[in-house]
N, C-alpha and C. Protein backbone atom coordinates (compact mmCIF):
# COMPACT_ATOMS: atom_id res chain seq x y z
N MET A 1 9.45 -21.13 3.26
CA MET A 1 8.49 -20.23 4.12
C MET A 1 9.45 -19.17 4.98
N PRO A 2 9.69 -18.14 4.79
CA PRO A 2 10.09 -17.15 4.64
C PRO A 2 10.38 -16.18 6.84
N LYS A 3 11.47 -16.75 7.04
CA LYS A 3 12.17 -16.28 8.69
C LYS A 3 10.60 -15.11 8.80
N GLU A 4 10.16 -15.05 10.02
CA GLU A 4 9.43 -14.32 10.89
C GLU A 4 9.98 -12.43 10.42
N ASN A 5 11.20 -12.45 10.64
CA ASN A 5 11.59 -10.50 9.74
C ASN A 5 11.82 -10.78 9.37
N ALA A 6 12.15 -11.36 8.10
CA ALA A 6 12.58 -11.30 6.44
C ALA A 6 10.92 -11.06 5.93
N LYS A 7 9.68 -10.80 6.85
CA LYS A 7 8.86 -10.48 6.34
C LYS A 7 8.41 -9.01 5.83
N LYS A 8 7.71 -8.64 4.05
CA LYS A 8 8.17 -7.04 3.45
C LYS A 8 6.80 -6.81 4.19
N ILE A 9 6.32 -5.68 4.42
CA ILE A 9 6.19 -4.92 4.46
C ILE A 9 5.49 -3.76 3.37
N ILE A 10 3.99 -4.11 2.45
CA ILE A 10 3.94 -3.46 1.60
C ILE A 10 2.69 -2.44 1.68
N TYR A 11 2.98 -1.34 1.02
CA TYR A 11 2.32 0.15 0.40
C TYR A 11 1.59 -0.01 -0.01
N ILE A 12 -0.50 -0.55 0.45
CA ILE A 12 -1.47 -0.64 -0.67
C ILE A 12 -1.17 0.51 -1.65
N ALA A 13 -0.97 1.45 -2.65
CA ALA A 13 -1.69 2.28 -2.97
C ALA A 13 -2.47 2.08 -4.44
N TYR A 14 -4.12 2.52 -3.29
CA TYR A 14 -4.76 1.91 -4.98
C TYR A 14 -6.04 3.31 -4.72
N PRO A 15 -6.39 3.53 -5.46
CA PRO A 15 -7.55 5.60 -5.38
C PRO A 15 -8.42 4.05 -4.23
N TYR A 16 -8.61 5.63 -3.77
CA TYR A 16 -9.60 6.02 -2.51
C TYR A 16 -10.64 6.62 -3.04
N THR A 17 -11.04 8.37 -2.83
CA THR A 17 -11.97 8.93 -3.54
C THR A 17 -12.37 8.89 -4.77
N HIS A 18 -12.08 8.23 -5.65
CA HIS A 18 -13.00 8.06 -6.77
C HIS A 18 -13.89 7.45 -6.73
N ASP A 19 -14.93 7.68 -7.47
CA ASP A 19 -15.89 6.76 -7.19
C ASP A 19 -16.31 6.81 -6.02
N ASP A 20 -16.47 5.99 -5.10
CA ASP A 20 -16.81 5.73 -3.26
C ASP A 20 -16.04 5.07 -2.51
N PRO A 21 -15.17 5.68 -1.50
CA PRO A 21 -14.23 5.38 -0.45
C PRO A 21 -14.45 4.22 0.16
N VAL A 22 -15.57 3.38 0.76
CA VAL A 22 -16.17 2.47 0.49
C VAL A 22 -15.46 2.05 -0.13
N GLU A 23 -16.46 1.21 -1.17
CA GLU A 23 -15.79 0.02 -2.07
C GLU A 23 -14.65 0.24 -2.64
N ASN A 24 -13.68 1.37 -2.53
CA ASN A 24 -12.14 1.55 -2.79
C ASN A 24 -11.76 0.66 -1.38
N THR A 25 -12.31 1.87 -0.05
CA THR A 25 -11.19 0.39 0.71
C THR A 25 -11.14 -0.87 1.11
N HIS A 26 -12.15 -1.72 0.40
CA HIS A 26 -13.32 -3.13 0.62
C HIS A 26 -12.35 -3.66 -0.62
N SER A 27 -12.43 -2.88 -1.45
CA SER A 27 -10.68 -3.70 -2.24
C SER A 27 -9.75 -3.85 -2.54
N ALA A 28 -9.16 -2.67 -1.43
CA ALA A 28 -7.70 -2.41 -0.46
C ALA A 28 -7.42 -3.71 0.02
N MET A 29 -8.82 -3.74 0.83
CA MET A 29 -8.69 -4.71 2.22
C MET A 29 -8.88 -5.88 1.18
N GLN A 30 -9.01 -6.67 -0.17
CA GLN A 30 -8.83 -7.72 -0.76
C GLN A 30 -7.78 -7.85 -1.65
N ILE A 31 -7.06 -6.96 -1.88
CA ILE A 31 -5.48 -6.90 -1.93
C ILE A 31 -4.47 -7.74 -0.95
N ALA A 32 -5.49 -6.82 0.30
CA ALA A 32 -4.27 -7.07 1.68
C ALA A 32 -5.14 -8.62 2.15
N ASN A 33 -6.23 -8.94 2.25
CA ASN A 33 -5.86 -10.59 2.20
C ASN A 33 -5.59 -11.27 0.79
N THR A 34 -4.76 -11.15 0.07
CA THR A 34 -4.16 -11.55 -1.45
C THR A 34 -2.53 -11.93 -1.00
N LEU A 35 -1.87 -10.59 -0.35
CA LEU A 35 -0.77 -10.04 0.00
C LEU A 35 -0.04 -10.88 1.99
N VAL A 36 -0.89 -11.05 2.37
CA VAL A 36 -1.19 -11.60 3.20
C VAL A 36 -0.83 -13.08 3.39
N GLU A 37 -2.02 -14.50 1.95
CA GLU A 37 -1.58 -15.49 1.54
C GLU A 37 0.06 -15.64 1.73
N LEU A 38 0.59 -14.49 0.65
CA LEU A 38 1.97 -14.24 -0.10
C LEU A 38 2.87 -14.17 1.19
N GLU A 39 2.65 -14.06 2.67
CA GLU A 39 3.42 -14.17 3.51
C GLU A 39 3.58 -12.91 4.29
N LEU A 40 3.14 -12.10 3.10
CA LEU A 40 3.27 -10.19 3.27
C LEU A 40 2.47 -9.80 4.31
N ILE A 41 3.45 -8.58 4.95
CA ILE A 41 2.45 -7.87 5.38
C ILE A 41 1.87 -6.44 5.08
N PRO A 42 0.66 -6.88 4.86
CA PRO A 42 -0.33 -5.20 4.21
C PRO A 42 -0.07 -4.09 4.41
N TYR A 43 0.46 -2.87 4.27
CA TYR A 43 -0.66 -1.62 5.17
C TYR A 43 -1.42 -0.79 4.09
N ILE A 44 -2.56 -0.74 5.16
CA ILE A 44 -3.79 -0.15 3.96
C ILE A 44 -4.38 1.31 4.34
N PRO A 45 -4.12 2.04 4.10
CA PRO A 45 -3.76 3.42 4.54
C PRO A 45 -5.41 3.79 4.23
N HIS A 46 -6.20 3.13 3.36
CA HIS A 46 -7.51 3.21 3.28
C HIS A 46 -8.22 2.94 4.25
N LEU A 47 -7.57 2.38 5.68
CA LEU A 47 -8.08 1.85 6.90
C LEU A 47 -8.46 2.99 6.94
N ASN A 48 -7.62 4.60 7.58
CA ASN A 48 -8.10 5.07 8.23
C ASN A 48 -9.74 6.02 8.22
N LEU A 49 -10.04 4.89 6.81
CA LEU A 49 -11.39 6.23 6.46
C LEU A 49 -12.50 6.25 7.46
N LEU A 50 -12.58 4.24 7.87
CA LEU A 50 -13.01 4.71 10.07
C LEU A 50 -12.51 5.04 11.17
N TRP A 51 -11.84 5.92 11.01
CA TRP A 51 -10.88 6.52 11.86
C TRP A 51 -11.31 8.11 11.69
N HIS A 52 -11.77 8.45 9.86
CA HIS A 52 -12.19 9.69 9.54
C HIS A 52 -13.50 10.24 9.88
N LEU A 53 -14.46 8.83 9.73
CA LEU A 53 -15.97 9.27 10.45
C LEU A 53 -16.06 9.76 11.19
N VAL A 54 -14.66 8.78 12.94
CA VAL A 54 -15.19 9.02 13.66
C VAL A 54 -14.77 10.12 14.57
N TYR A 55 -13.36 10.84 13.73
CA TYR A 55 -12.65 12.12 14.30
C TYR A 55 -12.73 12.89 12.60
N PRO A 56 -13.63 13.03 12.06
CA PRO A 56 -12.74 13.88 10.67
C PRO A 56 -11.67 15.58 10.40
N ARG A 57 -11.31 15.36 9.33
CA ARG A 57 -9.34 15.33 9.59
C ARG A 57 -9.97 16.22 7.99
N PRO A 58 -8.66 17.25 8.02
CA PRO A 58 -8.89 18.23 6.55
C PRO A 58 -8.13 16.53 5.83
N ALA A 59 -8.13 16.87 4.10
CA ALA A 59 -7.82 15.50 3.60
C ALA A 59 -5.70 15.76 3.76
N MET A 60 -5.65 16.68 3.96
CA MET A 60 -3.96 16.83 3.81
C MET A 60 -3.71 15.95 5.66
N PHE A 61 -3.89 15.95 6.19
CA PHE A 61 -3.35 15.55 7.55
C PHE A 61 -4.03 13.95 7.15
N TRP A 62 -4.64 13.14 6.19
CA TRP A 62 -4.36 11.73 5.99
C TRP A 62 -3.52 11.49 5.17
N TYR A 63 -3.13 12.03 4.72
CA TYR A 63 -1.80 12.36 2.91
C TYR A 63 -0.67 12.54 3.71
N GLU A 64 -0.60 13.23 4.94
CA GLU A 64 0.78 13.44 5.48
C GLU A 64 1.26 11.91 6.10
N GLN A 65 -0.01 11.63 6.49
CA GLN A 65 0.84 10.06 7.61
C GLN A 65 0.24 9.03 6.86
N ASP A 66 -0.11 9.19 5.50
CA ASP A 66 -0.06 8.16 4.58
C ASP A 66 1.44 7.87 4.09
N ILE A 67 1.93 9.28 3.93
CA ILE A 67 3.30 9.65 3.75
C ILE A 67 4.21 9.08 4.43
N HIS A 68 4.34 9.17 6.05
CA HIS A 68 5.09 8.71 6.45
C HIS A 68 4.97 6.96 6.61
N PHE A 69 3.90 6.79 7.00
CA PHE A 69 4.02 5.07 7.06
C PHE A 69 4.74 5.05 5.23
N LEU A 70 4.15 4.90 4.61
CA LEU A 70 5.07 4.59 3.79
C LEU A 70 6.82 4.36 3.43
N LYS A 71 7.20 5.36 3.18
CA LYS A 71 8.44 5.55 4.21
C LYS A 71 9.09 4.48 4.97
N LYS A 72 8.23 4.05 5.43
CA LYS A 72 8.64 2.49 6.56
C LYS A 72 8.30 2.03 5.86
N CYS A 73 7.96 1.47 4.30
CA CYS A 73 7.60 0.16 3.93
C CYS A 73 8.79 -0.51 3.81
N ASP A 74 8.61 -1.57 2.80
CA ASP A 74 9.46 -1.83 2.06
C ASP A 74 9.61 -2.07 0.24
N ALA A 75 7.87 -1.91 0.21
CA ALA A 75 7.65 -1.58 -1.65
C ALA A 75 5.79 -0.97 -1.49
N LEU A 76 6.32 -0.99 -2.29
CA LEU A 76 4.54 -0.17 -2.91
C LEU A 76 3.94 -0.93 -4.27
N LEU A 77 2.66 -1.19 -3.41
CA LEU A 77 2.26 -2.05 -4.84
C LEU A 77 0.97 -1.98 -5.41
N ARG A 78 0.88 -0.83 -6.07
CA ARG A 78 -0.11 0.33 -7.27
C ARG A 78 -0.97 -0.60 -8.48
N MET A 79 -2.38 -0.86 -7.50
CA MET A 79 -3.23 -1.39 -7.91
C MET A 79 -4.67 -0.38 -8.45
N GLY A 80 -5.38 -0.87 -8.97
CA GLY A 80 -6.92 -0.12 -9.24
C GLY A 80 -6.68 1.21 -10.68
N GLY A 81 -7.37 1.45 -10.72
CA GLY A 81 -7.75 2.66 -11.89
C GLY A 81 -6.76 3.91 -11.44
N GLU A 82 -7.14 4.40 -12.12
CA GLU A 82 -7.44 6.70 -11.68
C GLU A 82 -6.97 7.04 -10.30
N SER A 83 -5.84 7.82 -9.58
CA SER A 83 -5.55 8.18 -8.32
C SER A 83 -4.43 9.39 -8.62
N GLY A 84 -4.84 10.67 -7.88
CA GLY A 84 -3.95 11.43 -7.44
C GLY A 84 -3.07 11.04 -7.01
N GLY A 85 -4.23 10.68 -5.80
CA GLY A 85 -3.06 9.93 -4.74
C GLY A 85 -1.98 8.95 -4.39
N ALA A 86 -2.86 7.74 -5.58
CA ALA A 86 -1.89 7.52 -5.47
C ALA A 86 -0.34 7.47 -6.45
N ASP A 87 -0.83 7.89 -7.28
CA ASP A 87 0.03 7.85 -8.78
C ASP A 87 1.40 8.91 -8.24
N ASN A 88 0.77 10.41 -6.81
CA ASN A 88 2.09 11.07 -6.31
C ASN A 88 2.62 9.66 -5.00
N GLU A 89 2.13 8.82 -4.00
CA GLU A 89 2.14 8.43 -3.32
C GLU A 89 3.69 7.31 -4.48
N ILE A 90 3.65 6.69 -5.90
CA ILE A 90 4.88 6.34 -6.14
C ILE A 90 6.04 7.33 -6.34
N LEU A 91 5.68 8.64 -6.66
CA LEU A 91 6.86 8.96 -6.59
C LEU A 91 7.10 9.38 -5.22
N VAL A 92 6.36 9.45 -4.34
CA VAL A 92 7.25 9.53 -3.44
C VAL A 92 8.10 8.50 -2.80
N ALA A 93 7.48 6.69 -3.46
CA ALA A 93 8.21 6.16 -3.23
C ALA A 93 9.19 5.93 -4.13
N GLN A 94 9.46 5.89 -5.65
CA GLN A 94 10.57 5.97 -6.32
C GLN A 94 11.97 7.64 -5.47
N ALA A 95 11.33 8.34 -5.23
CA ALA A 95 11.81 9.33 -4.83
C ALA A 95 13.34 9.09 -3.08
N ASN A 96 12.47 8.47 -3.06
CA ASN A 96 12.77 7.35 -1.38
C ASN A 96 13.64 6.01 -1.51
N LYS A 97 13.33 6.08 -2.97
CA LYS A 97 14.01 4.62 -3.35
C LYS A 97 13.16 2.98 -2.72
N ILE A 98 11.99 3.43 -2.42
CA ILE A 98 11.43 2.36 -2.42
C ILE A 98 10.75 1.24 -3.93
N PRO A 99 11.24 0.72 -3.54
CA PRO A 99 10.65 -0.36 -5.35
C PRO A 99 9.05 0.05 -5.24
N VAL A 100 8.89 0.20 -6.78
CA VAL A 100 6.94 0.01 -6.65
C VAL A 100 6.93 -0.49 -7.76
N PHE A 101 5.67 -1.71 -7.62
CA PHE A 101 5.29 -2.93 -8.48
C PHE A 101 4.17 -2.67 -9.05
N TYR A 102 3.39 -3.15 -10.04
CA TYR A 102 2.35 -2.99 -10.53
C TYR A 102 1.60 -3.84 -10.53
N SER A 103 1.51 -5.27 -10.39
CA SER A 103 1.65 -6.53 -10.02
C SER A 103 1.72 -7.54 -8.98
N PHE A 104 1.11 -8.32 -8.82
CA PHE A 104 1.28 -9.03 -7.71
C PHE A 104 2.44 -10.06 -8.42
N GLU A 105 2.17 -10.47 -9.67
CA GLU A 105 3.61 -11.20 -10.29
C GLU A 105 4.71 -10.65 -10.13
N GLU A 106 4.90 -10.07 -10.44
CA GLU A 106 5.80 -8.87 -10.33
C GLU A 106 6.10 -8.52 -8.77
N LEU A 107 5.45 -8.70 -7.33
CA LEU A 107 5.87 -7.96 -6.40
C LEU A 107 6.19 -9.81 -5.76
N LYS A 108 5.80 -10.94 -6.14
CA LYS A 108 6.97 -12.29 -6.38
C LYS A 108 7.87 -12.15 -6.69
N LYS A 109 7.97 -11.83 -7.77
CA LYS A 109 9.53 -12.37 -8.45
C LYS A 109 10.57 -11.18 -7.54
N TRP A 110 10.28 -9.76 -7.26
CA TRP A 110 10.66 -9.39 -6.56
C TRP A 110 10.94 -10.03 -4.67
N ILE A 111 10.43 -10.27 -4.52
CA ILE A 111 9.98 -11.27 -2.86
C ILE A 111 11.61 -12.83 -2.89
N ALA A 112 11.05 -13.16 -4.45
CA ALA A 112 11.80 -14.57 -4.52
C ALA A 112 13.12 -14.30 -5.00
N ARG A 113 13.64 -13.46 -5.49
CA ARG A 113 15.18 -12.93 -5.21
C ARG A 113 15.55 -12.13 -4.32
N SER A 114 14.75 -11.39 -3.55
CA SER A 114 15.32 -10.92 -2.17
C SER A 114 15.63 -12.15 -0.83
N GLU A 115 14.44 -13.11 -1.18
CA GLU A 115 15.05 -13.90 -0.16
C GLU A 115 16.05 -15.24 -1.02
N ARG A 116 16.61 -15.08 -2.53
CA ARG A 116 17.98 -16.15 -2.17
C ARG A 116 19.20 -14.83 -2.35
N LYS A 117 18.89 -13.90 -1.23
CA LYS A 117 19.94 -12.91 -1.12
C LYS A 117 20.97 -13.26 0.37
């Protein structure tokens, strides 16, 4: 079991507005549960949905918030379908030398390599 301070924070890049934001948020939460089972700390930008319902703001406000948090994460997990926002998050991650993964398997291999160091 990894030490508490060795846990990695994983940003979930998943479609949000395409089709149904509520369904997409649910899917992102399912991904987060899997990350928790892997003893990782998920960051779910989709949870801003509730905040937005209570205090609506322009989309750019939420994108800027997400990018700020992304830059603090150890890795990005890109899953799901078409999403301009998630694709942009990949570009930001790459520009900031944050590893990008497209499956749980890739992510698990990276974690295993990190733990051996």
